[in-house]
Protein backbone atom coordinates (compact mmCIF):
# COMPACT_ATOMS: atom_id res chain seq x y z
CA GLY A 1 31.91 13.43 23.67
CA PHE A 2 34.31 16.23 23.74
CA VAL A 3 37.45 14.42 22.70
CA SER A 4 38.00 10.38 22.68
CA PHE A 5 41.20 8.44 22.84
CA GLN A 6 41.08 5.04 20.32
CA LYS A 7 42.04 1.90 21.42
CA GLY A 8 45.12 0.91 19.51
CA ASP A 9 49.29 0.39 20.70
CA TRP A 10 50.19 3.57 19.10
CA PRO A 11 53.51 5.00 21.10
CA VAL A 12 53.30 7.89 22.32
CA SER A 13 56.68 9.70 22.81
CA GLY A 14 57.85 11.02 26.46
CA GLU A 15 58.40 15.02 25.29
CA ARG A 16 55.24 15.23 23.49
CA ILE A 17 52.55 14.35 26.40
CA PRO A 18 52.40 18.46 26.91
CA ASP A 19 51.47 18.66 23.69
CA LEU A 20 48.27 15.97 23.64
CA VAL A 21 47.30 17.63 26.94
CA ALA A 22 47.21 20.58 25.25
CA LEU A 23 45.31 19.30 22.23
CA THR A 24 42.82 17.77 24.78
CA MET A 25 42.31 21.04 26.13
CA GLY A 26 41.70 21.99 22.94
CA PHE A 27 44.72 24.72 22.48
CA SER A 28 47.00 25.21 20.38
CA VAL A 29 50.51 23.52 19.79
CA GLN A 30 53.16 24.91 17.95
CA GLU A 31 54.42 21.29 16.70
CA ASP A 32 51.36 19.31 14.71
CA LEU A 33 51.08 15.89 16.51
CA SER A 34 49.89 13.64 14.32
CA TRP A 35 49.11 10.71 16.36
CA PRO A 36 46.30 8.62 15.59
CA GLY A 37 45.52 8.03 19.48
CA LEU A 38 43.58 10.99 19.75
CA GLN A 39 40.32 11.94 17.83
CA ALA A 40 39.08 15.77 18.86
CA GLY A 41 35.55 16.21 19.04
CA PRO A 42 33.29 19.57 18.58
CA LEU A 43 36.65 22.65 18.96
CA PHE A 44 33.90 24.55 21.47
CA GLN A 45 32.94 21.84 23.95
CA ARG A 46 36.62 20.88 25.67
CA PRO A 47 36.81 18.83 28.92
CA ARG A 48 36.59 20.62 31.84
CA ALA A 49 39.57 19.46 33.42
CA ASN A 50 43.06 17.75 32.55
CA VAL A 51 44.47 15.12 35.26
CA LEU A 52 47.88 13.73 34.46
CA VAL A 53 49.00 11.43 36.68
CA VAL A 54 52.70 10.32 36.52
CA VAL A 55 53.56 6.69 38.25
CA ARG A 56 57.06 6.68 38.42
CA GLY A 57 59.00 3.22 39.29
CA VAL A 58 56.13 0.55 37.73
CA ASP A 59 55.95 -0.79 33.77
CA SER A 60 52.33 -0.41 33.94
CA LEU A 61 49.03 -0.83 36.30
CA ALA A 62 46.11 -3.07 36.41
CA LEU A 63 43.60 -0.62 35.21
CA PRO A 64 40.12 -1.78 33.51
CA GLN A 65 39.92 -3.49 30.17
CA SER A 66 37.73 0.31 29.11
CA VAL A 67 40.85 2.14 29.46
CA ALA A 68 43.19 3.06 26.64
CA SER A 69 46.08 2.68 27.10
CA TYR A 70 49.21 3.03 24.39
CA PRO A 71 52.88 2.09 24.81
CA LEU A 72 54.97 5.16 26.15
CA GLU A 73 58.66 5.42 24.24
CA ASN A 74 61.12 7.98 24.73
CA PRO A 75 60.68 8.03 28.55
CA VAL A 76 62.27 11.23 28.77
CA PRO A 77 61.27 13.61 32.12
CA PHE A 78 58.95 16.29 30.63
CA THR A 79 56.27 19.68 32.92
CA LEU A 80 52.96 20.91 31.95
CA ASP A 81 54.27 24.43 32.50
CA SER A 82 53.47 25.47 28.89
CA VAL A 83 49.36 23.93 29.15
CA ALA A 84 49.83 25.98 32.34
CA GLU A 85 51.15 29.40 31.53
CA THR A 86 48.39 28.76 28.35
CA VAL A 87 45.63 27.96 31.13
CA HIS A 88 46.86 31.30 32.98
CA SER A 89 47.11 33.63 30.28
CA LEU A 90 43.61 33.05 28.96
CA PHE A 91 41.58 32.34 31.59
CA ALA A 92 43.54 34.61 34.11
CA GLU A 93 40.19 36.59 34.98
CA ASP A 94 38.35 33.34 35.77
CA THR A 95 39.31 31.36 38.62
CA PRO A 96 40.76 27.96 36.56
CA VAL A 97 43.03 25.30 38.85
CA VAL A 98 46.47 24.84 37.96
CA LEU A 99 48.10 22.56 40.25
CA GLN A 100 51.15 20.68 39.42
CA LEU A 101 52.33 18.51 42.47
CA ALA A 102 55.24 16.17 43.88
CA PRO A 103 54.99 14.91 46.96
CA SER A 104 57.95 12.98 46.92
CA GLU A 105 60.21 16.38 46.38
CA GLU A 106 57.78 18.55 48.10
CA ARG A 107 57.02 20.35 45.17
CA LEU A 108 54.27 22.08 44.75
CA TYR A 109 52.99 25.17 41.58
CA MET A 110 50.08 26.56 41.78
CA LEU A 111 49.10 30.02 39.13
CA GLY A 112 45.82 31.39 39.67
CA LYS A 113 42.37 32.98 42.00
CA ALA A 114 41.68 29.34 42.77
CA ASN A 115 45.15 29.25 45.29
CA ALA A 116 43.54 29.76 48.41
CA VAL A 117 41.57 26.67 48.32
CA PHE A 118 44.22 24.12 48.25
CA GLU A 119 45.81 26.20 50.34
CA ASP A 120 44.69 23.24 52.98
CA LEU A 121 46.47 20.58 51.12
CA PRO A 122 49.30 19.14 52.93
CA VAL A 123 53.08 19.64 50.78
CA THR A 124 55.47 19.05 52.80
CA LEU A 125 56.38 15.43 53.92
CA GLN A 126 56.40 16.26 57.92
CA GLN A 127 52.69 17.56 56.79
CA ILE A 128 51.47 15.19 54.94
CA ARG A 129 52.73 12.27 57.64
CA ALA A 130 50.35 14.42 59.99
CA ARG A 131 48.43 14.09 58.33
CA LEU A 132 48.29 10.25 57.85
CA SER A 133 47.79 10.11 61.56
CA GLN A 134 45.16 11.74 61.48
CA ASP A 135 40.66 10.93 61.80
CA GLY A 136 39.77 9.95 58.49
CA SER A 137 43.11 9.15 56.78
CA VAL A 138 43.89 6.74 54.05
CA LEU A 139 45.34 4.22 56.63
CA SER A 140 42.12 3.83 58.82
CA SER A 141 40.09 2.72 54.96
CA LEU A 142 43.06 1.28 52.89
CA PRO A 143 44.17 -2.50 53.42
CA LEU A 144 47.72 -2.13 54.26
CA ASN A 145 48.62 -5.87 53.62
CA SER A 146 52.60 -6.13 54.06
CA LEU A 147 52.81 -2.28 53.92
CA SER A 148 53.96 -0.77 57.50
CA ARG A 149 53.03 2.28 59.03
CA ASN A 150 56.29 2.72 60.70
CA ALA A 151 59.05 2.29 56.97
CA GLU A 152 59.64 4.91 55.74
CA ALA A 153 59.60 4.16 52.55
CA ASP A 154 56.09 2.92 53.00
CA LEU A 155 54.66 6.01 54.42
CA LEU A 156 56.22 8.18 51.45
CA PHE A 157 54.32 5.82 48.81
CA LEU A 158 50.88 6.43 51.28
CA SER A 159 51.64 9.58 51.67
CA GLU A 160 50.77 10.25 48.15
CA VAL A 161 47.79 7.93 48.20
CA GLN A 162 46.78 10.53 50.67
CA VAL A 163 47.40 13.57 48.74
CA LEU A 164 44.89 11.79 45.92
CA HIS A 165 42.38 11.43 48.50
CA ASP A 166 42.13 14.98 49.82
CA ILE A 167 42.31 17.10 46.64
CA THR A 168 38.95 15.31 45.21
CA ALA A 169 37.83 16.15 49.40
CA LEU A 170 38.83 19.58 48.68
CA LEU A 171 36.83 19.61 45.19
CA GLN A 172 34.08 18.08 46.99
CA ARG A 173 33.88 20.86 49.57
CA HIS A 174 34.63 23.58 46.34
CA ARG A 175 32.62 22.51 43.57
CA HIS A 176 32.36 26.38 42.41
CA LEU A 177 35.38 25.17 40.80
CA ALA A 178 34.45 22.21 38.68
CA LYS A 179 31.42 24.22 37.76
CA ASP A 180 32.89 26.93 36.88
CA HIS A 181 33.64 28.03 32.71
CA SER A 182 37.48 27.70 32.64
CA PRO A 183 39.34 25.06 32.23
CA ASP A 184 41.44 23.41 35.40
CA LEU A 185 45.16 20.98 35.13
CA TYR A 186 46.27 18.99 37.31
CA SER A 187 49.87 17.68 37.12
CA LEU A 188 50.84 14.73 40.01
CA GLU A 189 53.98 12.54 40.04
CA LEU A 190 54.24 9.64 42.14
CA SER A 191 57.19 8.22 42.94
CA GLY A 192 56.61 6.23 46.30
CA LEU A 193 56.37 3.16 44.08
CA GLU A 194 60.00 3.52 42.56
CA GLU A 195 61.19 4.14 46.32
CA LEU A 196 59.58 0.60 47.94
CA SER A 197 61.07 -0.77 44.41
CA ARG A 198 64.47 0.33 44.96
CA LEU A 199 64.10 -0.79 49.32
CA TYR A 200 62.53 -4.16 48.86
CA GLY A 201 62.81 -5.42 45.41
CA PRO A 202 60.55 -5.34 41.94
CA ASP A 203 59.05 -9.19 43.48
CA SER A 204 58.73 -8.38 46.94
CA PRO A 205 55.11 -8.57 48.75
CA GLN A 206 55.01 -4.89 50.01
CA TYR A 207 56.11 -3.17 45.74
CA ARG A 208 53.11 -5.95 45.30
CA ASP A 209 50.87 -4.83 47.44
CA ALA A 210 51.57 -1.13 47.07
CA LYS A 211 51.41 -1.79 43.06
CA ALA A 212 47.64 -3.24 43.80
CA LEU A 213 46.67 -0.55 46.22
CA LEU A 214 47.54 2.65 43.81
CA ALA A 215 46.23 0.62 40.69
CA SER A 216 42.21 0.14 43.21
CA VAL A 217 42.91 3.97 44.43
CA LEU A 218 43.71 5.77 41.11
CA GLN A 219 40.15 4.48 39.98
CA LYS A 220 38.19 6.01 42.59
CA PHE A 221 40.71 9.01 41.96
CA GLY A 222 39.55 9.11 38.55
CA GLN A 223 35.49 7.96 38.74
CA ASP A 224 35.69 11.13 41.60
CA VAL A 225 36.71 13.70 38.83
CA TYR A 226 34.43 12.21 36.44
CA GLY A 227 32.15 12.42 39.02
CA LEU A 228 33.29 16.31 40.03
CA TYR A 229 33.65 17.49 36.34
CA GLY A 230 30.20 15.62 35.59
CA ASN A 231 31.98 13.89 32.86
CA SER A 232 33.56 16.47 31.12
CA SER A 233 37.67 15.54 32.01
CA VAL A 234 40.38 13.46 31.10
CA VAL A 235 42.58 11.33 33.32
CA GLU A 236 45.66 10.09 31.79
CA VAL A 237 48.24 8.02 34.27
CA VAL A 238 51.62 7.69 33.07
CA THR A 239 53.61 4.50 34.24
CA VAL A 240 57.43 4.69 33.71
CA LYS A 241 59.90 2.28 35.22
CA ALA A 242 62.29 4.85 35.24
CA PHE A 243 63.15 8.45 32.97
CA GLU A 244 66.13 8.76 30.64
CA ALA A 245 67.98 11.70 31.46
CA PRO A 246 67.20 13.68 35.24
CA LEU A 247 65.11 16.35 35.38
CA THR A 248 67.06 19.34 35.78
CA ARG A 249 64.23 22.01 37.05
CA LYS A 250 65.04 25.46 38.93
CA SER A 251 62.85 24.88 42.02
CA ARG A 252 59.88 27.76 43.24
CA SER A 253 58.51 28.11 46.40
CA ILE A 254 55.11 26.79 48.37
CA LEU A 255 52.12 28.45 46.96
CA GLU A 256 53.96 30.33 44.30
CA SER A 257 51.33 32.69 42.57
CA ARG A 258 51.90 34.24 39.21
CA GLN A 259 50.18 37.67 38.44
CA ILE A 260 52.34 37.76 35.12
CA SER A 261 52.56 35.92 32.10
CA ASN A 262 56.08 36.49 32.12
CA PRO A 263 57.96 37.71 35.17
CA GLY A 264 62.20 39.46 34.99
CA SER A 265 63.59 36.43 33.13
CA PRO A 266 67.46 36.45 32.34
CA TYR A 267 67.09 36.35 28.71
CA ASN A 268 64.55 39.48 28.48
CA LEU A 269 62.63 37.70 26.25
CA ALA A 270 59.30 39.23 25.32
CA TYR A 271 55.70 38.72 26.83
CA LYS A 272 54.03 35.94 25.71
CA TYR A 273 51.34 36.56 22.40
CA ASN A 274 48.15 37.56 23.74
CA PHE A 275 45.26 36.32 21.71
CA GLU A 276 43.47 39.38 21.64
CA TYR A 277 46.46 41.76 19.35
CA ALA A 278 45.10 40.69 16.30
CA VAL A 279 41.24 42.66 17.97
CA VAL A 280 43.27 45.63 19.39
CA PHE A 281 45.61 46.14 16.67
CA ASN A 282 42.39 46.57 14.11
CA ILE A 283 40.85 48.39 16.09
CA VAL A 284 43.57 50.64 17.04
CA LEU A 285 44.74 51.07 13.34
CA TRP A 286 40.97 51.58 11.95
CA LEU A 287 40.27 53.93 14.21
CA MET A 288 43.12 56.48 13.22
CA ILE A 289 42.33 56.51 10.20
CA ALA A 290 39.49 56.84 10.41
CA LEU A 291 39.89 60.19 12.85
CA ALA A 292 42.44 61.31 9.74
CA LEU A 293 40.44 61.19 7.12
CA ALA A 294 37.75 63.31 9.25
CA VAL A 295 40.76 65.33 10.28
CA ILE A 296 41.57 65.78 6.26
CA ALA A 297 38.36 66.56 5.71
CA VAL A 298 37.12 69.13 8.05
CA ALA A 299 40.19 71.16 7.17
CA TYR A 300 40.00 71.20 3.86
CA ASN A 301 36.04 72.54 3.83
CA LEU A 302 37.23 75.18 6.25
CA TRP A 303 40.29 76.40 3.68
CA ASN A 304 37.28 76.51 1.12
CA MET A 305 35.04 78.46 2.83
CA ASP A 306 33.16 81.32 1.75
CA PRO A 307 32.49 83.44 5.73
CA GLY A 308 29.89 84.89 4.27
CA TYR A 309 27.68 82.16 3.25
CA ASP A 310 29.25 79.45 5.61
CA SER A 311 29.49 81.95 9.12
CA ILE A 312 26.66 83.92 10.98
CA ILE A 313 29.44 85.39 11.74
CA TYR A 314 30.55 87.94 8.55
CA ARG A 315 26.46 87.75 7.66
CA MET A 316 27.25 91.43 5.85
CA THR A 317 30.04 90.78 3.44
CA ASN A 318 26.75 89.44 0.73
CA GLN A 319 24.91 92.54 1.03
CA LYS A 320 24.88 95.03 -0.98
CA ILE A 321 25.65 98.31 -0.31
CA ARG A 322 22.79 100.44 0.37
CA MET A 323 23.02 103.30 -1.88
CA ASP A 324 20.75 106.61 -0.90
């Protein structure tokens, strides 16, 4: 296929995960990633979607044996902002989906023209809570076992499951987003399990049930994504018990849409490099040289022109004066 993950026990470092996602989507990275787990296919055939789900509060999930898994070392917090910016700058005229979502922190970050579709997505905990009580919510279809509909932590976990369900449901309704040529990027951070572990303990029935439930939900979520994108997608699940350092991140307004590659930053940085720069530079350079040579050639010929031979206006200059 497009890219393939080889089975093995090669550890992947937390801070290199954004580079791994970028390489999977066919983008270049600043620092080479010499990691044998990723095998690239044809350069011009890359996955149409990449979905990264970070599950906090658990070391591993019972996913099927066919899924390639790797140990995570140095679990520092990371974001896919750099990949999101690349997708947006390269495919600004198309409709790439760039969705970064952390329901527990009510954090949603979106770029591009596909925003309108996801405006219906419940984002704040209040919205998701309301969504859970509606018809067709996951509460009616999932086996809750020891999880309660009334406990705050249980509802936080279930609300994250609901968001996973709603994302694929929205894409089912707007299939054109999955069928276009621009790649889509989804980054989801789920911390409901972490909250359950802290409240009930890692040996509690609630935590065990939630862990099993999330594994089956993520499996179905992955299958739905593959179905929508015609198997041209990559779904990664990163499980981390706890991040080593707190992630400091400036908050962004919900459904914020940025149309420029570099907003006014406090450091007065230059705009991001545009890959068409070299093309435009060459066109302008050689056009200028050609025009300059043309002006020189015209000026030279005008200077050395014999008006009698070369101009109809001064035709008289080379006629002999007739003598009577």
